[in-house]
Amino acid sequence: MAYDPATYIDFKRDLGIRIAQLRSERGMSQRKFALVLELDRVTLNRIEAGKGNPTIDTLARIAQGLDVSLEELLKF
């Protein structure tokens, strides 16, 4: 299977939308959520904007901070 940059960009965008949606449903600002995660707010902003490349460890922290499984986080 060939690497398709467009698919990767779509995945990052959709992941960011999903994280922002779950965070918003929990009534947390980006600033507050970044503090909870002990993550720089700019980094969280880039992830939610689909421009960051979060590691699996960062995704696991985000999922934990949202009180969802990693599998649930990736359902979009």
N, C-alpha and C. Protein backbone atom coordinates (compact mmCIF):
# COMPACT_ATOMS: atom_id res chain seq x y z
N MET A 1 0.84 -1.18 0.00
CA MET A 1 0.00 0.00 0.00
C MET A 1 0.89 1.25 0.00
N ALA A 2 0.63 2.13 -0.92
CA ALA A 2 1.44 3.33 -1.06
C ALA A 2 1.05 4.40 -0.04
N TYR A 3 2.01 5.16 0.38
CA TYR A 3 1.79 6.28 1.31
C TYR A 3 1.04 7.38 0.57
N ASP A 4 -0.04 7.85 1.15
CA ASP A 4 -0.85 8.92 0.56
C ASP A 4 -0.86 10.10 1.52
N PRO A 5 -0.10 11.16 1.23
CA PRO A 5 -0.04 12.31 2.13
C PRO A 5 -1.40 12.92 2.43
N ALA A 6 -2.29 12.92 1.47
CA ALA A 6 -3.61 13.52 1.68
C ALA A 6 -4.38 12.76 2.75
N THR A 7 -4.28 11.45 2.77
CA THR A 7 -4.97 10.65 3.78
C THR A 7 -4.41 10.95 5.16
N TYR A 8 -3.09 11.09 5.26
CA TYR A 8 -2.45 11.41 6.53
C TYR A 8 -2.89 12.78 7.04
N ILE A 9 -2.95 13.75 6.15
CA ILE A 9 -3.39 15.10 6.52
C ILE A 9 -4.84 15.06 7.00
N ASP A 10 -5.70 14.31 6.31
CA ASP A 10 -7.10 14.17 6.72
C ASP A 10 -7.20 13.52 8.09
N PHE A 11 -6.37 12.50 8.35
CA PHE A 11 -6.38 11.83 9.64
C PHE A 11 -6.02 12.79 10.76
N LYS A 12 -4.95 13.58 10.55
CA LYS A 12 -4.53 14.53 11.59
C LYS A 12 -5.61 15.58 11.83
N ARG A 13 -6.25 16.05 10.76
CA ARG A 13 -7.33 17.03 10.91
C ARG A 13 -8.50 16.42 11.68
N ASP A 14 -8.91 15.22 11.32
CA ASP A 14 -10.04 14.56 11.98
C ASP A 14 -9.72 14.25 13.44
N LEU A 15 -8.49 13.86 13.72
CA LEU A 15 -8.08 13.60 15.10
C LEU A 15 -8.16 14.88 15.92
N GLY A 16 -7.67 15.97 15.37
CA GLY A 16 -7.72 17.25 16.06
C GLY A 16 -9.14 17.69 16.35
N ILE A 17 -10.02 17.51 15.38
CA ILE A 17 -11.43 17.86 15.57
C ILE A 17 -12.03 17.01 16.68
N ARG A 18 -11.70 15.73 16.70
CA ARG A 18 -12.22 14.81 17.72
C ARG A 18 -11.75 15.22 19.12
N ILE A 19 -10.49 15.55 19.25
CA ILE A 19 -9.96 15.96 20.55
C ILE A 19 -10.63 17.24 21.01
N ALA A 20 -10.74 18.21 20.12
CA ALA A 20 -11.38 19.49 20.47
C ALA A 20 -12.84 19.28 20.86
N GLN A 21 -13.53 18.40 20.15
CA GLN A 21 -14.93 18.11 20.45
C GLN A 21 -15.08 17.49 21.84
N LEU A 22 -14.29 16.50 22.13
CA LEU A 22 -14.37 15.84 23.44
C LEU A 22 -13.99 16.80 24.57
N ARG A 23 -12.97 17.61 24.33
CA ARG A 23 -12.55 18.59 25.33
C ARG A 23 -13.67 19.59 25.59
N SER A 24 -14.26 20.07 24.53
CA SER A 24 -15.35 21.06 24.64
C SER A 24 -16.56 20.47 25.36
N GLU A 25 -16.89 19.22 25.07
CA GLU A 25 -18.01 18.54 25.74
C GLU A 25 -17.80 18.46 27.25
N ARG A 26 -16.54 18.48 27.66
CA ARG A 26 -16.21 18.41 29.08
C ARG A 26 -16.04 19.80 29.70
N GLY A 27 -16.31 20.82 28.90
CA GLY A 27 -16.29 22.19 29.41
C GLY A 27 -14.91 22.73 29.72
N MET A 28 -13.90 22.20 29.04
CA MET A 28 -12.53 22.65 29.32
C MET A 28 -12.01 23.52 28.19
N SER A 29 -11.36 24.59 28.57
CA SER A 29 -10.66 25.42 27.59
C SER A 29 -9.38 24.69 27.19
N GLN A 30 -8.80 25.11 26.09
CA GLN A 30 -7.50 24.55 25.69
C GLN A 30 -6.47 24.78 26.79
N ARG A 31 -6.49 25.97 27.35
CA ARG A 31 -5.51 26.32 28.39
C ARG A 31 -5.63 25.39 29.59
N LYS A 32 -6.87 25.20 30.06
CA LYS A 32 -7.09 24.35 31.24
C LYS A 32 -6.72 22.90 30.93
N PHE A 33 -7.11 22.42 29.76
CA PHE A 33 -6.82 21.04 29.39
C PHE A 33 -5.31 20.82 29.26
N ALA A 34 -4.61 21.79 28.67
CA ALA A 34 -3.15 21.69 28.55
C ALA A 34 -2.51 21.62 29.93
N LEU A 35 -3.02 22.39 30.88
CA LEU A 35 -2.50 22.34 32.25
C LEU A 35 -2.73 20.97 32.88
N VAL A 36 -3.93 20.42 32.68
CA VAL A 36 -4.25 19.09 33.21
C VAL A 36 -3.30 18.04 32.63
N LEU A 37 -3.00 18.17 31.34
CA LEU A 37 -2.13 17.20 30.67
C LEU A 37 -0.65 17.45 30.92
N GLU A 38 -0.34 18.63 31.50
CA GLU A 38 1.05 19.06 31.62
C GLU A 38 1.70 19.09 30.24
N LEU A 39 0.98 19.72 29.33
CA LEU A 39 1.38 19.84 27.93
C LEU A 39 1.33 21.31 27.56
N ASP A 40 2.27 21.76 26.78
CA ASP A 40 2.26 23.15 26.35
C ASP A 40 0.98 23.44 25.56
N ARG A 41 0.35 24.59 25.84
CA ARG A 41 -0.91 24.93 25.17
C ARG A 41 -0.72 25.06 23.66
N VAL A 42 0.42 25.57 23.23
CA VAL A 42 0.68 25.70 21.80
C VAL A 42 0.73 24.32 21.14
N THR A 43 1.31 23.36 21.83
CA THR A 43 1.36 21.99 21.31
C THR A 43 -0.05 21.43 21.18
N LEU A 44 -0.87 21.62 22.20
CA LEU A 44 -2.26 21.14 22.14
C LEU A 44 -3.00 21.84 21.01
N ASN A 45 -2.78 23.14 20.86
CA ASN A 45 -3.43 23.89 19.78
C ASN A 45 -3.04 23.32 18.42
N ARG A 46 -1.78 23.01 18.23
CA ARG A 46 -1.32 22.45 16.95
C ARG A 46 -1.95 21.08 16.70
N ILE A 47 -2.07 20.26 17.74
CA ILE A 47 -2.70 18.95 17.58
C ILE A 47 -4.16 19.12 17.19
N GLU A 48 -4.87 19.99 17.90
CA GLU A 48 -6.29 20.20 17.60
C GLU A 48 -6.50 20.82 16.22
N ALA A 49 -5.53 21.58 15.75
CA ALA A 49 -5.62 22.20 14.43
C ALA A 49 -5.20 21.24 13.31
N GLY A 50 -4.78 20.02 13.69
CA GLY A 50 -4.36 19.05 12.69
C GLY A 50 -2.97 19.30 12.14
N LYS A 51 -2.18 20.10 12.85
CA LYS A 51 -0.84 20.44 12.37
C LYS A 51 0.26 19.77 13.18
N GLY A 52 -0.06 19.22 14.33
CA GLY A 52 0.94 18.56 15.17
C GLY A 52 1.07 17.09 14.84
N ASN A 53 2.14 16.50 15.32
CA ASN A 53 2.39 15.06 15.16
C ASN A 53 2.54 14.45 16.54
N PRO A 54 1.42 14.21 17.23
CA PRO A 54 1.52 13.69 18.60
C PRO A 54 2.06 12.26 18.61
N THR A 55 2.87 11.99 19.63
CA THR A 55 3.35 10.63 19.82
C THR A 55 2.22 9.78 20.41
N ILE A 56 2.41 8.50 20.42
CA ILE A 56 1.42 7.61 21.03
C ILE A 56 1.30 7.91 22.52
N ASP A 57 2.40 8.28 23.15
CA ASP A 57 2.36 8.64 24.57
C ASP A 57 1.50 9.88 24.79
N THR A 58 1.65 10.88 23.92
CA THR A 58 0.84 12.09 24.04
C THR A 58 -0.63 11.77 23.80
N LEU A 59 -0.92 10.93 22.82
CA LEU A 59 -2.32 10.55 22.57
C LEU A 59 -2.90 9.80 23.77
N ALA A 60 -2.10 8.96 24.39
CA ALA A 60 -2.56 8.23 25.58
C ALA A 60 -2.85 9.21 26.72
N ARG A 61 -2.00 10.23 26.90
CA ARG A 61 -2.24 11.25 27.93
C ARG A 61 -3.51 12.03 27.64
N ILE A 62 -3.72 12.37 26.37
CA ILE A 62 -4.93 13.10 25.98
C ILE A 62 -6.16 12.25 26.26
N ALA A 63 -6.11 10.98 25.88
CA ALA A 63 -7.24 10.08 26.12
C ALA A 63 -7.53 9.98 27.62
N GLN A 64 -6.49 9.83 28.41
CA GLN A 64 -6.67 9.74 29.86
C GLN A 64 -7.26 11.03 30.40
N GLY A 65 -6.78 12.16 29.92
CA GLY A 65 -7.29 13.46 30.36
C GLY A 65 -8.75 13.67 30.00
N LEU A 66 -9.18 13.02 28.93
CA LEU A 66 -10.58 13.11 28.50
C LEU A 66 -11.43 11.99 29.08
N ASP A 67 -10.79 11.10 29.83
CA ASP A 67 -11.46 9.95 30.44
C ASP A 67 -12.11 9.04 29.40
N VAL A 68 -11.35 8.79 28.32
CA VAL A 68 -11.78 7.85 27.29
C VAL A 68 -10.61 6.93 26.99
N SER A 69 -10.90 5.79 26.39
CA SER A 69 -9.83 4.90 25.97
C SER A 69 -9.18 5.47 24.71
N LEU A 70 -7.98 5.01 24.43
CA LEU A 70 -7.30 5.43 23.21
C LEU A 70 -8.15 5.02 22.00
N GLU A 71 -8.74 3.85 22.07
CA GLU A 71 -9.62 3.39 21.00
C GLU A 71 -10.79 4.36 20.79
N GLU A 72 -11.40 4.80 21.87
CA GLU A 72 -12.51 5.75 21.77
C GLU A 72 -12.06 7.08 21.20
N LEU A 73 -10.88 7.52 21.59
CA LEU A 73 -10.33 8.78 21.08
C LEU A 73 -10.20 8.72 19.55
N LEU A 74 -9.82 7.56 19.04
CA LEU A 74 -9.56 7.42 17.62
C LEU A 74 -10.79 7.03 16.80
N LYS A 75 -11.96 7.04 17.41
CA LYS A 75 -13.20 6.76 16.67
C LYS A 75 -13.74 8.03 16.04
N PHE A 76 -13.48 8.19 14.76
CA PHE A 76 -14.02 9.34 14.03
C PHE A 76 -14.18 8.98 12.57
